[in-house]
Amino acid sequence: MAKTTIQVKQETRERLQGVGSKGETYDDIIMDLIAAYESRLEELERRAKAPDEEYVSFERVKEE
């Protein structure tokens, strides 16, 4: 598999290390973060397309 080098700030590298587990590569960590991001986007899109009746506003809950 082809590999490449990317430049990140020292702080970014340290934060990536904090996100990952021992033995995980930076590639593993980044792929996990991308998957979580994509999953969150899908959830937000699903919610945006859902009928309003599925969600009850906080104001409505307070009234009831």
C-alpha atoms as a PDB file:
ATOM      1  CA  MET A   1       0.000   0.000   0.000  1.00  0.00           C
ATOM      2  CA  ALA A   2       1.292   3.442  -0.897  1.00  0.00           C
ATOM      3  CA  LYS A   3       2.107   5.710   2.013  1.00  0.00           C
ATOM      4  CA  THR A   4       2.449   9.458   2.246  1.00  0.00           C
ATOM      5  CA  THR A   5       3.630  12.007   4.747  1.00  0.00           C
ATOM      6  CA  ILE A   6       1.476  14.814   6.087  1.00  0.00           C
ATOM      7  CA  GLN A   7       2.639  17.713   8.181  1.00  0.00           C
ATOM      8  CA  VAL A   8       0.772  18.542  11.362  1.00  0.00           C
ATOM      9  CA  LYS A   9       1.541  20.845  14.227  1.00  0.00           C
ATOM     10  CA  GLN A  10       3.128  19.329  17.317  1.00  0.00           C
ATOM     11  CA  GLU A  11      -0.080  20.040  19.262  1.00  0.00           C
ATOM     12  CA  THR A  12      -2.128  18.148  16.655  1.00  0.00           C
ATOM     13  CA  ARG A  13       0.214  15.169  16.883  1.00  0.00           C
ATOM     14  CA  GLU A  14      -0.060  15.142  20.666  1.00  0.00           C
ATOM     15  CA  ARG A  15      -3.845  15.328  20.505  1.00  0.00           C
ATOM     16  CA  LEU A  16      -3.925  12.438  18.045  1.00  0.00           C
ATOM     17  CA  GLN A  17      -1.795  10.418  20.439  1.00  0.00           C
ATOM     18  CA  GLY A  18      -4.306  11.202  23.189  1.00  0.00           C
ATOM     19  CA  VAL A  19      -7.210   9.981  21.069  1.00  0.00           C
ATOM     20  CA  GLY A  20      -5.598   6.700  20.103  1.00  0.00           C
ATOM     21  CA  SER A  21      -4.803   3.606  22.068  1.00  0.00           C
ATOM     22  CA  LYS A  22      -1.423   1.980  22.550  1.00  0.00           C
ATOM     23  CA  GLY A  23      -0.416   0.167  19.382  1.00  0.00           C
ATOM     24  CA  GLU A  24      -2.735   2.153  17.103  1.00  0.00           C
ATOM     25  CA  THR A  25      -1.148   3.881  14.156  1.00  0.00           C
ATOM     26  CA  TYR A  26      -1.929   7.464  13.232  1.00  0.00           C
ATOM     27  CA  ASP A  27      -3.697   6.047  10.189  1.00  0.00           C
ATOM     28  CA  ASP A  28      -5.935   3.933  12.462  1.00  0.00           C
ATOM     29  CA  ILE A  29      -6.740   6.942  14.623  1.00  0.00           C
ATOM     30  CA  ILE A  30      -7.495   9.196  11.673  1.00  0.00           C
ATOM     31  CA  MET A  31      -9.691   6.553  10.014  1.00  0.00           C
ATOM     32  CA  ASP A  32     -11.644   6.124  13.283  1.00  0.00           C
ATOM     33  CA  LEU A  33     -12.134   9.883  13.533  1.00  0.00           C
ATOM     34  CA  ILE A  34     -13.325  10.080   9.921  1.00  0.00           C
ATOM     35  CA  ALA A  35     -15.776   7.218  10.501  1.00  0.00           C
ATOM     36  CA  ALA A  36     -17.164   8.938  13.615  1.00  0.00           C
ATOM     37  CA  TYR A  37     -17.491  12.220  11.714  1.00  0.00           C
ATOM     38  CA  GLU A  38     -19.304  10.560   8.804  1.00  0.00           C
ATOM     39  CA  SER A  39     -21.605   8.704  11.179  1.00  0.00           C
ATOM     40  CA  ARG A  40     -22.479  11.959  12.946  1.00  0.00           C
ATOM     41  CA  LEU A  41     -23.200  13.674   9.621  1.00  0.00           C
ATOM     42  CA  GLU A  42     -25.519  10.824   8.617  1.00  0.00           C
ATOM     43  CA  GLU A  43     -27.357  11.125  11.940  1.00  0.00           C
ATOM     44  CA  LEU A  44     -27.776  14.872  11.531  1.00  0.00           C
ATOM     45  CA  GLU A  45     -29.058  14.434   7.965  1.00  0.00           C
ATOM     46  CA  ARG A  46     -31.504  11.767   9.123  1.00  0.00           C
ATOM     47  CA  ARG A  47     -32.811  14.038  11.861  1.00  0.00           C
ATOM     48  CA  ALA A  48     -33.125  16.971   9.472  1.00  0.00           C
ATOM     49  CA  LYS A  49     -35.286  14.867   7.129  1.00  0.00           C
ATOM     50  CA  ALA A  50     -37.443  13.388   9.910  1.00  0.00           C
ATOM     51  CA  PRO A  51     -40.954  14.743  10.413  1.00  0.00           C
ATOM     52  CA  ASP A  52     -41.262  17.342  13.154  1.00  0.00           C
ATOM     53  CA  GLU A  53     -43.676  15.107  15.050  1.00  0.00           C
ATOM     54  CA  GLU A  54     -40.836  12.793  16.040  1.00  0.00           C
ATOM     55  CA  TYR A  55     -39.220  15.497  18.145  1.00  0.00           C
ATOM     56  CA  VAL A  56     -40.754  17.476  20.953  1.00  0.00           C
ATOM     57  CA  SER A  57     -39.351  20.894  21.738  1.00  0.00           C
ATOM     58  CA  PHE A  58     -38.169  21.692  25.234  1.00  0.00           C
ATOM     59  CA  GLU A  59     -40.736  24.484  25.424  1.00  0.00           C
ATOM     60  CA  ARG A  60     -43.545  22.027  24.653  1.00  0.00           C
ATOM     61  CA  VAL A  61     -42.327  19.606  27.319  1.00  0.00           C
ATOM     62  CA  LYS A  62     -42.282  22.434  29.878  1.00  0.00           C
ATOM     63  CA  GLU A  63     -45.872  23.364  28.954  1.00  0.00           C
ATOM     64  CA  GLU A  64     -47.101  19.808  29.381  1.00  0.00           C
END
